Amino acid sequence: MSAAPGKPCSRAWRVEGPRNGWTAIYDEVIDQDPTALVRFAREVSSRMGAVVIILSLEVDQVVRLVALERGGIMDEYLSVPEF
């Protein structure tokens, strides 16, 4: 996947798994931008027709969990709803 013009391009990413049926994708640029993380997860979910789970820690204190299926958000959880 290449970055859009003006967007940072990640040079450090890795795919791990499958482990117990789960595959994990780690990316240094996406990890720092919650909006980019959701866009990436939507794309993976849509292209693979699979359920994708996002689990992230934002601002070192807020846990976000998003479940997507075929590119659409099925459910979302924030440990601090006001965030």
N, C-alpha and C. Protein backbone atom coordinates (compact mmCIF):
# COMPACT_ATOMS: atom_id res chain seq x y z
N MET A 1 0.84 -1.16 0.00
CA MET A 1 0.00 0.00 0.00
C MET A 1 0.89 1.23 0.00
N SER A 2 0.64 2.17 -0.85
CA SER A 2 1.45 3.38 -0.87
C SER A 2 0.68 4.53 -0.26
N ALA A 3 1.41 5.48 0.28
CA ALA A 3 0.79 6.62 0.94
C ALA A 3 0.26 7.60 -0.10
N ALA A 4 -0.80 8.32 0.29
CA ALA A 4 -1.35 9.37 -0.56
C ALA A 4 -0.38 10.54 -0.55
N PRO A 5 -0.42 11.39 -1.59
CA PRO A 5 0.48 12.56 -1.62
C PRO A 5 0.33 13.39 -0.34
N GLY A 6 1.45 13.74 0.24
CA GLY A 6 1.45 14.57 1.45
C GLY A 6 1.26 13.78 2.73
N LYS A 7 1.01 12.48 2.63
CA LYS A 7 0.82 11.64 3.81
C LYS A 7 2.11 10.89 4.09
N PRO A 8 2.42 10.66 5.38
CA PRO A 8 3.64 9.92 5.71
C PRO A 8 3.53 8.47 5.24
N CYS A 9 4.64 7.93 4.82
CA CYS A 9 4.70 6.54 4.37
C CYS A 9 5.46 5.74 5.41
N SER A 10 4.85 4.69 5.89
CA SER A 10 5.47 3.87 6.93
C SER A 10 6.59 3.02 6.36
N ARG A 11 7.69 3.00 7.06
CA ARG A 11 8.81 2.14 6.68
C ARG A 11 8.96 0.98 7.66
N ALA A 12 8.28 1.08 8.79
CA ALA A 12 8.38 0.03 9.80
C ALA A 12 7.00 -0.57 10.07
N TRP A 13 6.75 -1.70 9.46
CA TRP A 13 5.50 -2.41 9.70
C TRP A 13 5.79 -3.90 9.68
N ARG A 14 4.88 -4.65 10.30
CA ARG A 14 5.05 -6.10 10.30
C ARG A 14 3.70 -6.78 10.46
N VAL A 15 3.64 -7.99 9.97
CA VAL A 15 2.46 -8.84 10.10
C VAL A 15 2.88 -10.06 10.90
N GLU A 16 2.11 -10.39 11.92
CA GLU A 16 2.40 -11.55 12.75
C GLU A 16 1.21 -12.49 12.76
N GLY A 17 1.50 -13.77 12.74
CA GLY A 17 0.43 -14.75 12.85
C GLY A 17 0.33 -15.59 11.60
N PRO A 18 -0.66 -16.37 11.48
CA PRO A 18 -1.75 -16.46 12.46
C PRO A 18 -1.33 -17.19 13.73
N ARG A 19 -1.92 -16.75 14.83
CA ARG A 19 -1.69 -17.36 16.13
C ARG A 19 -3.06 -17.53 16.77
N ASN A 20 -3.44 -18.77 17.00
CA ASN A 20 -4.78 -19.10 17.52
C ASN A 20 -5.87 -18.51 16.63
N GLY A 21 -5.62 -18.46 15.33
CA GLY A 21 -6.61 -17.95 14.39
C GLY A 21 -6.58 -16.45 14.17
N TRP A 22 -5.70 -15.73 14.85
CA TRP A 22 -5.61 -14.27 14.74
C TRP A 22 -4.34 -13.86 14.02
N THR A 23 -4.45 -12.85 13.18
CA THR A 23 -3.31 -12.25 12.52
C THR A 23 -3.23 -10.80 12.99
N ALA A 24 -2.03 -10.34 13.37
CA ALA A 24 -1.84 -8.97 13.86
C ALA A 24 -1.00 -8.18 12.86
N ILE A 25 -1.39 -6.92 12.65
CA ILE A 25 -0.65 -6.01 11.78
C ILE A 25 -0.22 -4.83 12.63
N TYR A 26 1.08 -4.54 12.61
CA TYR A 26 1.63 -3.41 13.36
C TYR A 26 2.26 -2.44 12.36
N ASP A 27 2.00 -1.14 12.55
CA ASP A 27 2.53 -0.12 11.65
C ASP A 27 2.82 1.14 12.45
N GLU A 28 4.03 1.67 12.34
CA GLU A 28 4.44 2.83 13.16
C GLU A 28 3.64 4.09 12.86
N VAL A 29 3.30 4.36 11.62
CA VAL A 29 2.56 5.58 11.27
C VAL A 29 1.09 5.46 11.68
N ILE A 30 0.47 4.34 11.34
CA ILE A 30 -0.94 4.14 11.65
C ILE A 30 -1.16 4.10 13.16
N ASP A 31 -0.21 3.55 13.91
CA ASP A 31 -0.34 3.48 15.36
C ASP A 31 -0.46 4.86 16.01
N GLN A 32 0.01 5.90 15.35
CA GLN A 32 0.00 7.24 15.91
C GLN A 32 -1.20 8.08 15.47
N ASP A 33 -2.04 7.53 14.59
CA ASP A 33 -3.16 8.29 14.04
C ASP A 33 -4.42 7.43 14.06
N PRO A 34 -5.31 7.63 15.05
CA PRO A 34 -6.52 6.81 15.16
C PRO A 34 -7.39 6.83 13.90
N THR A 35 -7.44 7.96 13.22
CA THR A 35 -8.24 8.06 11.99
C THR A 35 -7.65 7.18 10.90
N ALA A 36 -6.34 7.20 10.76
CA ALA A 36 -5.67 6.35 9.77
C ALA A 36 -5.84 4.88 10.11
N LEU A 37 -5.83 4.56 11.40
CA LEU A 37 -6.01 3.18 11.84
C LEU A 37 -7.38 2.66 11.41
N VAL A 38 -8.42 3.44 11.62
CA VAL A 38 -9.78 3.03 11.21
C VAL A 38 -9.87 2.91 9.69
N ARG A 39 -9.28 3.86 8.97
CA ARG A 39 -9.30 3.78 7.48
C ARG A 39 -8.61 2.51 7.01
N PHE A 40 -7.46 2.20 7.59
CA PHE A 40 -6.72 1.01 7.20
C PHE A 40 -7.52 -0.26 7.52
N ALA A 41 -8.11 -0.31 8.72
CA ALA A 41 -8.90 -1.47 9.11
C ALA A 41 -10.11 -1.65 8.20
N ARG A 42 -10.77 -0.54 7.83
CA ARG A 42 -11.90 -0.61 6.89
C ARG A 42 -11.47 -1.22 5.56
N GLU A 43 -10.32 -0.78 5.08
CA GLU A 43 -9.82 -1.28 3.80
C GLU A 43 -9.50 -2.77 3.88
N VAL A 44 -8.82 -3.19 4.93
CA VAL A 44 -8.49 -4.61 5.09
C VAL A 44 -9.77 -5.43 5.20
N SER A 45 -10.72 -4.98 6.02
CA SER A 45 -11.98 -5.68 6.21
C SER A 45 -12.77 -5.78 4.91
N SER A 46 -12.83 -4.68 4.18
CA SER A 46 -13.58 -4.65 2.93
C SER A 46 -12.94 -5.54 1.87
N ARG A 47 -11.65 -5.43 1.68
CA ARG A 47 -10.97 -6.22 0.65
C ARG A 47 -10.96 -7.71 0.94
N MET A 48 -10.88 -8.07 2.23
CA MET A 48 -10.82 -9.48 2.59
C MET A 48 -12.19 -10.06 2.92
N GLY A 49 -13.18 -9.20 3.07
CA GLY A 49 -14.51 -9.67 3.47
C GLY A 49 -14.48 -10.31 4.84
N ALA A 50 -13.64 -9.78 5.71
CA ALA A 50 -13.40 -10.40 7.02
C ALA A 50 -13.76 -9.45 8.15
N VAL A 51 -13.89 -10.05 9.33
CA VAL A 51 -14.05 -9.25 10.54
C VAL A 51 -12.67 -8.78 10.97
N VAL A 52 -12.55 -7.49 11.26
CA VAL A 52 -11.29 -6.89 11.71
C VAL A 52 -11.57 -6.21 13.05
N ILE A 53 -10.70 -6.45 14.01
CA ILE A 53 -10.82 -5.84 15.34
C ILE A 53 -9.65 -4.88 15.53
N ILE A 54 -9.95 -3.65 15.88
CA ILE A 54 -8.93 -2.65 16.20
C ILE A 54 -8.88 -2.54 17.73
N LEU A 55 -7.69 -2.63 18.27
CA LEU A 55 -7.50 -2.40 19.70
C LEU A 55 -6.36 -1.41 19.83
N SER A 56 -6.65 -0.24 20.41
CA SER A 56 -5.62 0.78 20.50
C SER A 56 -5.68 1.49 21.86
N LEU A 57 -4.54 2.05 22.23
CA LEU A 57 -4.43 2.88 23.42
C LEU A 57 -4.14 4.29 22.92
N GLU A 58 -5.04 5.21 23.24
CA GLU A 58 -4.91 6.59 22.75
C GLU A 58 -4.60 7.52 23.91
N VAL A 59 -3.70 8.45 23.68
CA VAL A 59 -3.26 9.43 24.67
C VAL A 59 -2.83 8.72 25.95
N ASP A 60 -2.30 7.53 25.81
CA ASP A 60 -1.79 6.71 26.92
C ASP A 60 -2.78 6.48 28.05
N GLN A 61 -4.10 6.67 27.78
CA GLN A 61 -5.06 6.45 28.85
C GLN A 61 -6.44 6.02 28.39
N VAL A 62 -6.71 6.03 27.11
CA VAL A 62 -8.03 5.67 26.60
C VAL A 62 -7.91 4.43 25.72
N VAL A 63 -8.66 3.39 26.06
CA VAL A 63 -8.68 2.17 25.26
C VAL A 63 -9.82 2.27 24.26
N ARG A 64 -9.51 2.00 22.99
CA ARG A 64 -10.52 2.00 21.93
C ARG A 64 -10.54 0.62 21.30
N LEU A 65 -11.74 0.08 21.14
CA LEU A 65 -11.93 -1.20 20.48
C LEU A 65 -13.00 -1.00 19.41
N VAL A 66 -12.69 -1.33 18.19
CA VAL A 66 -13.64 -1.18 17.08
C VAL A 66 -13.71 -2.51 16.34
N ALA A 67 -14.91 -2.99 16.08
CA ALA A 67 -15.13 -4.20 15.31
C ALA A 67 -15.73 -3.81 13.96
N LEU A 68 -15.09 -4.29 12.88
CA LEU A 68 -15.57 -4.00 11.53
C LEU A 68 -15.84 -5.31 10.78
N GLU A 69 -16.83 -5.28 9.91
CA GLU A 69 -17.11 -6.42 9.05
C GLU A 69 -17.41 -5.90 7.66
N ARG A 70 -16.68 -6.42 6.68
CA ARG A 70 -16.82 -6.01 5.27
C ARG A 70 -16.76 -4.49 5.12
N GLY A 71 -15.89 -3.86 5.88
CA GLY A 71 -15.65 -2.43 5.76
C GLY A 71 -16.56 -1.54 6.59
N GLY A 72 -17.57 -2.10 7.23
CA GLY A 72 -18.49 -1.30 8.04
C GLY A 72 -18.26 -1.53 9.52
N ILE A 73 -18.44 -0.48 10.31
CA ILE A 73 -18.27 -0.59 11.76
C ILE A 73 -19.48 -1.30 12.35
N MET A 74 -19.21 -2.42 13.06
CA MET A 74 -20.28 -3.17 13.73
C MET A 74 -20.49 -2.66 15.15
N ASP A 75 -19.39 -2.35 15.84
CA ASP A 75 -19.47 -1.90 17.22
C ASP A 75 -18.20 -1.15 17.58
N GLU A 76 -18.30 -0.29 18.59
CA GLU A 76 -17.15 0.48 19.05
C GLU A 76 -17.24 0.67 20.55
N TYR A 77 -16.11 0.61 21.23
CA TYR A 77 -16.04 0.80 22.66
C TYR A 77 -14.93 1.78 22.99
N LEU A 78 -15.21 2.74 23.85
CA LEU A 78 -14.21 3.68 24.38
C LEU A 78 -14.24 3.59 25.89
N SER A 79 -13.09 3.41 26.52
CA SER A 79 -13.05 3.30 27.98
C SER A 79 -13.41 4.62 28.65
N VAL A 80 -13.24 5.73 27.94
CA VAL A 80 -13.63 7.05 28.44
C VAL A 80 -14.55 7.66 27.38
N PRO A 81 -15.88 7.47 27.52
CA PRO A 81 -16.83 7.90 26.48
C PRO A 81 -16.73 9.38 26.09
N GLU A 82 -16.31 10.23 27.01
CA GLU A 82 -16.23 11.68 26.71
C GLU A 82 -15.07 12.01 25.78
N PHE A 83 -14.15 11.08 25.58
CA PHE A 83 -12.94 11.33 24.81
C PHE A 83 -13.27 11.63 23.36
